[in-house]
Amino acid sequence: MAFIWITTIGSAFSSLWILAANSFMQNPIGFKVDHKFDRAVLVDFPALLQNHQLWLEFPHVIFGTFLAGSFVVMGVSAWSLLRKPTHELDFFKKSIKIAAIVALVGTAGIGLTGDRHSLYLQDDQPMKFAATEGLDKNVGGKNESAPWSVVAYTNPKTHEVEWSLDVPYVLSILAHHSLVGGSQGWTEINKELHEKYDLKFGKDMNYYLPNNTIYYAFRIMAMSAGAFGLLSVVALWAVRKKSKLDITKYKWALWIFGLAMYLPFVAITAGWLVTELGRAPWVVYGVLTIADAVSPNVSFASLLTSNILYFLTFAVLGGLMVMLSRRVMIAGPDSEERVAEELVDPFSAKAFEAGKEA
């Protein structure tokens, strides 16, 4: 148990530093440019840890791990009940109950931190916000409501929204916590970015994003959060002590919970697609473009080889993880009685008699 806690805390600290670096790329602070050597120099290390972007990302990621871990536990328990429904029923029901409670905490946390992140995003990276909501033109205003689109399609060539299914008032509620309030569209934002950066980066910069990809990745992430909450409530209801529902008799429900163990990984991937694709065309927002970050000394062959090696390495590690996890899952939990039988007291009469016979 101690090793589990050490690993968990160590992983959390590791993610803090990784996200500190990513937060700098999203909202660069605490540095200056050394024009003599044409490079960025860190001048204020505490500023990196005080970056508001870090404290938007870090709790969001931590609550995401709550969801990933809890749904893996629920999924493994569901698959185990499908495979042998009469074996260790109470054990797996308790596992589902604990996992569902953790999942509810994770769902609430991911929703609150995601909402806070969205509020900051409108000022920090307005083009990304416009892409997540499919806004090609300004909507709403000081005394006007803004509709929220459930689905939409943007023409990637003209950057115009060709069709959308809108719900009145909802975007104002989500983006401003009010029935009124406006949001900028990417057409106007693109003009503002050109006015701000043309002198430094030139007029040929393309500030438009892959809007359809970001738009639907954001919805996959957001809709998944709703699914997490719903599944967690259903799981708690099904395994409570007073429940007359025997979850083992509903194989379709166990299949849903078993497959749901993969949903957090889909949602997390979608979230990172929004985060990273939405930063384009910057590596470091407003400071270093993707084009300028390309190293002239690294050949295509080197990049291809290193990427293939990375892919193969992680594929092998991932395969081993799946194989070992499957082995543990099939073996099932050890009962206290079986463990007690296997542990022989060297001072017991049984051990003494066995020693005499030997």
Protein backbone atom coordinates (compact mmCIF):
# COMPACT_ATOMS: atom_id res chain seq x y z
CA MET A 1 0.00 0.00 0.00
CA ALA A 2 2.86 2.37 0.83
CA PHE A 3 4.37 1.85 -2.62
CA ILE A 4 1.02 2.66 -4.24
CA TRP A 5 0.82 5.97 -2.36
CA ILE A 6 4.46 6.81 -3.14
CA THR A 7 3.86 6.12 -6.84
CA THR A 8 0.64 8.15 -6.86
CA ILE A 9 2.16 11.19 -5.13
CA GLY A 10 5.30 10.97 -7.26
CA SER A 11 3.23 10.82 -10.45
CA ALA A 12 1.21 13.84 -9.33
CA PHE A 13 4.38 15.88 -8.72
CA SER A 14 5.76 14.74 -12.07
CA SER A 15 2.59 15.89 -13.82
CA LEU A 16 2.88 19.26 -12.06
CA TRP A 17 6.26 19.96 -13.70
CA ILE A 18 5.11 18.65 -17.08
CA LEU A 19 2.05 20.89 -16.94
CA ALA A 20 4.19 23.83 -15.78
CA ALA A 21 6.11 23.49 -19.05
CA ASN A 22 2.90 23.15 -21.06
CA SER A 23 1.35 26.13 -19.26
CA PHE A 24 4.37 28.22 -20.23
CA MET A 25 3.75 27.25 -23.86
CA GLN A 26 0.10 28.29 -23.52
CA ASN A 27 0.74 31.45 -21.47
CA PRO A 28 4.48 32.36 -21.42
CA ILE A 29 5.65 34.31 -18.36
CA GLY A 30 8.81 34.62 -16.26
CA PHE A 31 11.25 34.94 -19.16
CA LYS A 32 13.05 37.42 -21.37
CA VAL A 33 14.51 37.11 -24.86
CA ASP A 34 18.31 37.27 -25.09
CA HIS A 35 18.65 39.04 -28.44
CA LYS A 36 22.40 38.44 -28.55
CA PHE A 37 21.92 34.67 -28.78
CA ASP A 38 18.28 34.86 -29.96
CA ARG A 39 16.91 32.60 -27.24
CA ALA A 40 14.53 32.74 -24.29
CA VAL A 41 16.05 32.96 -20.81
CA LEU A 42 14.19 32.09 -17.60
CA VAL A 43 14.41 35.03 -15.20
CA ASP A 44 11.61 34.29 -12.71
CA PHE A 45 11.22 30.63 -11.74
CA PRO A 46 8.45 31.23 -9.13
CA ALA A 47 6.41 32.88 -11.89
CA LEU A 48 6.20 29.52 -13.65
CA LEU A 49 4.50 28.02 -10.60
CA GLN A 50 2.25 31.06 -10.22
CA ASN A 51 1.10 30.91 -13.84
CA HIS A 52 -2.70 30.89 -13.72
CA GLN A 53 -2.70 28.52 -16.69
CA LEU A 54 -0.94 25.89 -14.56
CA TRP A 55 -3.62 26.06 -11.88
CA LEU A 56 -6.29 25.69 -14.55
CA GLU A 57 -4.62 22.65 -16.11
CA PHE A 58 -3.26 20.81 -13.06
CA PRO A 59 -6.50 20.22 -11.10
CA HIS A 60 -8.31 19.42 -14.36
CA VAL A 61 -5.75 16.71 -15.13
CA ILE A 62 -5.81 15.33 -11.57
CA PHE A 63 -9.60 14.99 -11.61
CA GLY A 64 -9.22 13.33 -15.01
CA THR A 65 -7.02 10.68 -13.39
CA PHE A 66 -9.74 10.11 -10.78
CA LEU A 67 -12.13 9.31 -13.61
CA ALA A 68 -9.67 7.13 -15.51
CA GLY A 69 -8.79 5.09 -12.43
CA SER A 70 -12.35 4.72 -11.15
CA PHE A 71 -13.77 3.64 -14.50
CA VAL A 72 -11.00 1.09 -14.96
CA VAL A 73 -11.95 -0.39 -11.57
CA MET A 74 -15.65 -0.36 -12.50
CA GLY A 75 -14.90 -1.87 -15.90
CA VAL A 76 -12.70 -4.66 -14.55
CA SER A 77 -15.34 -5.45 -11.92
CA ALA A 78 -18.06 -5.57 -14.59
CA TRP A 79 -16.03 -7.89 -16.83
CA SER A 80 -15.30 -10.13 -13.85
CA LEU A 81 -19.00 -10.36 -13.00
CA LEU A 82 -19.75 -11.22 -16.62
CA ARG A 83 -17.16 -13.98 -16.62
CA LYS A 84 -18.12 -15.57 -13.29
CA PRO A 85 -21.16 -13.79 -11.82
CA THR A 86 -21.48 -15.94 -8.69
CA HIS A 87 -17.83 -15.68 -7.63
CA GLU A 88 -16.80 -12.89 -5.27
CA LEU A 89 -20.05 -11.02 -5.91
CA ASP A 90 -19.80 -8.87 -2.78
CA PHE A 91 -16.16 -8.02 -3.51
CA PHE A 92 -16.88 -6.72 -7.01
CA LYS A 93 -20.03 -4.88 -5.91
CA LYS A 94 -17.98 -3.07 -3.26
CA SER A 95 -15.33 -2.26 -5.88
CA ILE A 96 -17.99 -0.75 -8.13
CA LYS A 97 -19.42 1.26 -5.23
CA ILE A 98 -16.06 2.75 -4.20
CA ALA A 99 -15.14 3.46 -7.84
CA ALA A 100 -18.50 5.15 -8.47
CA ILE A 101 -18.00 7.47 -5.48
CA VAL A 102 -14.52 8.43 -6.73
CA ALA A 103 -15.95 8.89 -10.23
CA LEU A 104 -18.61 11.28 -8.94
CA VAL A 105 -15.91 13.36 -7.22
CA GLY A 106 -13.90 13.31 -10.45
CA THR A 107 -16.92 14.31 -12.53
CA ALA A 108 -17.74 17.26 -10.26
CA GLY A 109 -14.09 18.34 -10.21
CA ILE A 110 -13.61 18.02 -13.95
CA GLY A 111 -16.78 20.04 -14.56
CA LEU A 112 -15.86 22.87 -12.19
CA THR A 113 -12.24 23.16 -13.33
CA GLY A 114 -13.27 22.88 -16.99
CA ASP A 115 -15.81 25.69 -16.56
CA ARG A 116 -13.18 27.91 -14.92
CA HIS A 117 -10.71 27.10 -17.70
CA SER A 118 -13.27 28.09 -20.32
CA LEU A 119 -13.82 31.49 -18.69
CA TYR A 120 -10.09 32.29 -18.87
CA LEU A 121 -9.76 30.90 -22.39
CA GLN A 122 -11.88 33.69 -23.86
CA ASP A 123 -9.20 36.23 -22.92
CA ASP A 124 -6.04 34.11 -23.12
CA GLN A 125 -6.69 32.28 -26.41
CA PRO A 126 -9.88 33.64 -28.00
CA MET A 127 -9.32 31.81 -31.31
CA LYS A 128 -9.29 28.47 -29.47
CA PHE A 129 -12.49 29.38 -27.62
CA ALA A 130 -14.20 30.37 -30.88
CA ALA A 131 -13.16 27.04 -32.43
CA THR A 132 -14.55 25.03 -29.50
CA GLU A 133 -17.91 26.74 -29.92
CA GLY A 134 -18.00 26.94 -33.72
CA LEU A 135 -18.21 30.74 -33.88
CA ASP A 136 -17.29 32.29 -37.22
CA LYS A 137 -19.02 35.57 -36.36
CA ASN A 138 -19.63 37.50 -33.17
CA VAL A 139 -22.72 36.37 -31.27
CA GLY A 140 -24.70 37.92 -28.44
CA GLY A 141 -23.75 41.14 -26.70
CA LYS A 142 -24.03 43.17 -23.52
CA ASN A 143 -27.81 42.94 -23.56
CA GLU A 144 -28.20 40.03 -25.97
CA SER A 145 -28.08 36.30 -25.48
CA ALA A 146 -25.79 33.98 -27.44
CA PRO A 147 -26.98 30.58 -28.70
CA TRP A 148 -24.92 27.41 -28.28
CA SER A 149 -24.56 24.98 -31.17
CA VAL A 150 -25.08 21.29 -30.48
CA VAL A 151 -23.65 20.27 -33.86
CA ALA A 152 -22.21 22.35 -36.69
CA TYR A 153 -20.04 22.18 -39.80
CA THR A 154 -17.42 24.70 -40.88
CA ASN A 155 -16.15 24.90 -44.45
CA PRO A 156 -12.36 24.52 -44.03
CA LYS A 157 -11.67 26.62 -47.14
CA THR A 158 -13.95 29.60 -46.51
CA HIS A 159 -13.87 29.31 -42.67
CA GLU A 160 -17.62 29.88 -42.61
CA VAL A 161 -20.11 27.86 -40.59
CA GLU A 162 -22.37 26.33 -43.23
CA TRP A 163 -24.96 24.89 -40.85
CA SER A 164 -25.56 24.42 -37.14
CA LEU A 165 -28.21 23.29 -34.68
CA ASP A 166 -28.48 26.01 -32.03
CA VAL A 167 -30.00 26.21 -28.56
CA PRO A 168 -30.88 29.78 -27.42
CA TYR A 169 -29.21 31.37 -24.35
CA VAL A 170 -26.96 28.41 -23.56
CA LEU A 171 -23.64 29.90 -24.73
CA SER A 172 -24.22 33.03 -22.64
CA ILE A 173 -24.89 30.81 -19.63
CA LEU A 174 -21.80 28.68 -20.24
CA ALA A 175 -19.41 31.48 -21.22
CA HIS A 176 -20.62 34.26 -18.91
CA HIS A 177 -22.84 32.57 -16.29
CA SER A 178 -25.59 34.92 -17.39
CA LEU A 179 -28.57 34.95 -19.75
CA VAL A 180 -26.85 37.67 -21.75
CA GLY A 181 -23.30 38.10 -22.97
CA GLY A 182 -21.43 37.94 -26.24
CA SER A 183 -18.51 36.00 -27.68
CA GLN A 184 -16.17 36.82 -30.55
CA GLY A 185 -16.07 34.86 -33.78
CA TRP A 186 -12.83 33.78 -35.43
CA THR A 187 -13.27 36.17 -38.39
CA GLU A 188 -12.86 39.20 -36.15
CA ILE A 189 -10.24 37.50 -33.96
CA ASN A 190 -8.15 36.71 -37.04
CA LYS A 191 -8.11 40.42 -37.95
CA GLU A 192 -7.08 41.37 -34.40
CA LEU A 193 -4.24 38.83 -34.39
CA HIS A 194 -2.94 40.15 -37.70
CA GLU A 195 -2.99 43.70 -36.32
CA LYS A 196 -1.14 42.53 -33.22
CA TYR A 197 1.51 40.27 -34.77
CA ASP A 198 2.01 41.25 -38.43
CA LEU A 199 4.88 43.59 -37.64
CA LYS A 200 6.79 40.81 -35.86
CA PHE A 201 5.76 37.66 -37.74
CA GLY A 202 4.64 38.97 -41.13
CA LYS A 203 1.33 39.20 -42.95
CA ASP A 204 1.41 35.62 -44.25
CA MET A 205 0.57 34.06 -40.88
CA ASN A 206 -2.51 31.84 -40.81
CA TYR A 207 -4.30 32.11 -37.48
CA TYR A 208 -7.27 29.94 -38.42
CA LEU A 209 -7.47 26.58 -36.66
CA PRO A 210 -8.74 23.12 -37.70
CA ASN A 211 -12.14 24.20 -36.46
CA ASN A 212 -14.17 21.03 -37.10
CA THR A 213 -11.60 18.84 -35.32
CA ILE A 214 -11.41 21.11 -32.28
CA TYR A 215 -15.18 21.65 -32.22
CA TYR A 216 -16.04 17.95 -32.09
CA ALA A 217 -13.10 17.00 -29.87
CA PHE A 218 -14.42 19.52 -27.35
CA ARG A 219 -17.90 18.02 -27.55
CA ILE A 220 -16.60 14.49 -27.12
CA MET A 221 -14.78 15.65 -23.99
CA ALA A 222 -17.78 17.57 -22.60
CA MET A 223 -20.38 14.91 -23.40
CA SER A 224 -18.14 12.26 -21.85
CA ALA A 225 -18.22 14.20 -18.58
CA GLY A 226 -22.01 13.94 -18.59
CA ALA A 227 -21.79 10.21 -19.30
CA PHE A 228 -19.36 9.78 -16.39
CA GLY A 229 -21.80 11.38 -13.98
CA LEU A 230 -24.79 9.39 -15.25
CA LEU A 231 -22.98 6.03 -15.15
CA SER A 232 -21.64 6.74 -11.66
CA VAL A 233 -25.11 7.49 -10.28
CA VAL A 234 -26.56 4.38 -11.95
CA ALA A 235 -23.72 2.24 -10.55
CA LEU A 236 -24.25 3.54 -7.00
CA TRP A 237 -27.99 2.93 -7.27
CA ALA A 238 -27.50 -0.62 -8.56
CA VAL A 239 -25.06 -1.79 -5.88
CA ARG A 240 -26.53 -0.11 -2.81
CA LYS A 241 -27.44 -2.45 0.06
CA LYS A 242 -31.21 -1.88 -0.15
CA SER A 243 -31.28 -2.32 -3.92
CA LYS A 244 -33.52 -5.12 -5.18
CA LEU A 245 -31.68 -4.98 -8.49
CA ASP A 246 -29.25 -7.84 -9.09
CA ILE A 247 -26.80 -6.29 -11.51
CA THR A 248 -25.39 -9.71 -12.44
CA LYS A 249 -28.69 -10.59 -14.15
CA TYR A 250 -28.39 -7.69 -16.59
CA LYS A 251 -25.52 -8.60 -18.86
CA TRP A 252 -26.18 -5.63 -21.14
CA ALA A 253 -25.59 -3.30 -18.17
CA LEU A 254 -22.34 -5.06 -17.29
CA TRP A 255 -21.27 -4.76 -20.93
CA ILE A 256 -21.90 -1.00 -20.79
CA PHE A 257 -19.80 -0.61 -17.63
CA GLY A 258 -17.13 -2.88 -19.06
CA LEU A 259 -16.83 -0.83 -22.24
CA ALA A 260 -17.07 2.45 -20.29
CA MET A 261 -13.60 1.78 -18.85
CA TYR A 262 -12.20 3.02 -22.18
CA LEU A 263 -14.25 6.23 -22.27
CA PRO A 264 -11.98 8.32 -19.98
CA PHE A 265 -9.03 7.67 -22.28
CA VAL A 266 -11.07 8.84 -25.28
CA ALA A 267 -12.15 11.97 -23.37
CA ILE A 268 -8.62 12.74 -22.16
CA THR A 269 -7.24 12.37 -25.70
CA ALA A 270 -9.97 14.67 -27.02
CA GLY A 271 -9.12 17.24 -24.35
CA TRP A 272 -5.44 17.25 -25.27
CA LEU A 273 -6.35 17.63 -28.96
CA VAL A 274 -8.28 20.78 -28.05
CA THR A 275 -5.39 22.05 -25.92
CA GLU A 276 -2.60 21.45 -28.42
CA LEU A 277 -4.31 21.96 -31.79
CA GLY A 278 -5.93 25.09 -30.39
CA ARG A 279 -2.51 26.64 -29.72
CA ALA A 280 -1.62 26.75 -33.43
CA PRO A 281 0.20 28.44 -35.10
CA TRP A 282 2.30 28.80 -31.95
CA VAL A 283 4.69 26.54 -30.08
CA VAL A 284 4.94 29.22 -27.40
CA TYR A 285 1.83 31.38 -27.67
CA GLY A 286 2.56 34.78 -29.15
CA VAL A 287 6.34 34.25 -28.96
CA LEU A 288 7.49 31.31 -31.10
CA THR A 289 5.70 29.98 -34.18
CA ILE A 290 5.65 26.35 -35.28
CA ALA A 291 7.55 27.31 -38.45
CA ASP A 292 10.31 29.03 -36.45
CA ALA A 293 10.57 26.08 -34.05
CA VAL A 294 11.48 23.61 -36.80
CA SER A 295 15.15 22.69 -36.45
CA PRO A 296 17.11 22.97 -39.73
CA ASN A 297 19.68 20.46 -38.46
CA VAL A 298 17.28 17.52 -38.02
CA SER A 299 16.62 15.52 -41.18
CA PHE A 300 13.37 13.88 -42.22
CA ALA A 301 15.02 10.46 -41.86
CA SER A 302 16.01 11.23 -38.25
CA LEU A 303 12.49 12.31 -37.36
CA LEU A 304 10.96 9.27 -39.05
CA THR A 305 13.36 6.86 -37.35
CA SER A 306 12.93 8.35 -33.87
CA ASN A 307 9.14 8.41 -34.19
CA ILE A 308 9.05 4.78 -35.32
CA LEU A 309 11.27 3.74 -32.40
CA TYR A 310 9.14 5.70 -29.93
CA PHE A 311 5.97 4.17 -31.33
CA LEU A 312 7.35 0.62 -31.18
CA THR A 313 8.71 1.11 -27.65
CA PHE A 314 5.42 2.39 -26.27
CA ALA A 315 3.46 -0.21 -28.25
CA VAL A 316 5.51 -2.98 -26.61
CA LEU A 317 5.15 -1.41 -23.15
CA GLY A 318 1.42 -0.94 -23.70
CA GLY A 319 1.05 -4.53 -24.86
CA LEU A 320 2.87 -5.81 -21.78
CA MET A 321 0.67 -3.69 -19.53
CA VAL A 322 -2.49 -5.09 -21.15
CA MET A 323 -1.17 -8.66 -20.91
CA LEU A 324 -0.22 -8.38 -17.23
CA SER A 325 -3.45 -6.55 -16.36
CA ARG A 326 -5.48 -9.25 -18.10
CA ARG A 327 -3.62 -11.96 -16.18
CA VAL A 328 -4.36 -10.29 -12.84
CA MET A 329 -7.99 -9.68 -13.80
CA ILE A 330 -8.56 -13.32 -14.79
CA ALA A 331 -6.89 -14.56 -11.59
CA GLY A 332 -9.31 -12.48 -9.54
CA PRO A 333 -8.90 -11.34 -5.93
CA ASP A 334 -7.32 -13.50 -3.24
CA SER A 335 -9.73 -14.33 -0.42
CA GLU A 336 -8.63 -13.76 3.18
CA GLU A 337 -9.28 -17.43 3.94
CA ARG A 338 -7.04 -18.66 1.11
CA VAL A 339 -4.25 -16.28 2.07
CA ALA A 340 -4.52 -17.41 5.71
CA GLU A 341 -4.26 -21.05 4.64
CA GLU A 342 -1.14 -20.37 2.60
CA LEU A 343 0.59 -18.54 5.46
CA VAL A 344 2.08 -21.14 7.82
CA ASP A 345 3.00 -20.09 11.36
CA PRO A 346 6.49 -21.58 11.97
CA PHE A 347 5.70 -21.93 15.69
CA SER A 348 2.35 -23.71 15.25
CA ALA A 349 1.77 -27.37 16.15
CA LYS A 350 1.13 -28.13 12.48
CA ALA A 351 4.51 -26.73 11.46
CA PHE A 352 6.20 -28.59 14.34
CA GLU A 353 4.69 -31.93 13.29
CA ALA A 354 5.67 -31.29 9.67
CA GLY A 355 9.24 -30.61 10.82
CA LYS A 356 9.38 -33.86 12.79
CA GLU A 357 8.17 -35.86 9.77
CA ALA A 358 10.84 -34.25 7.62
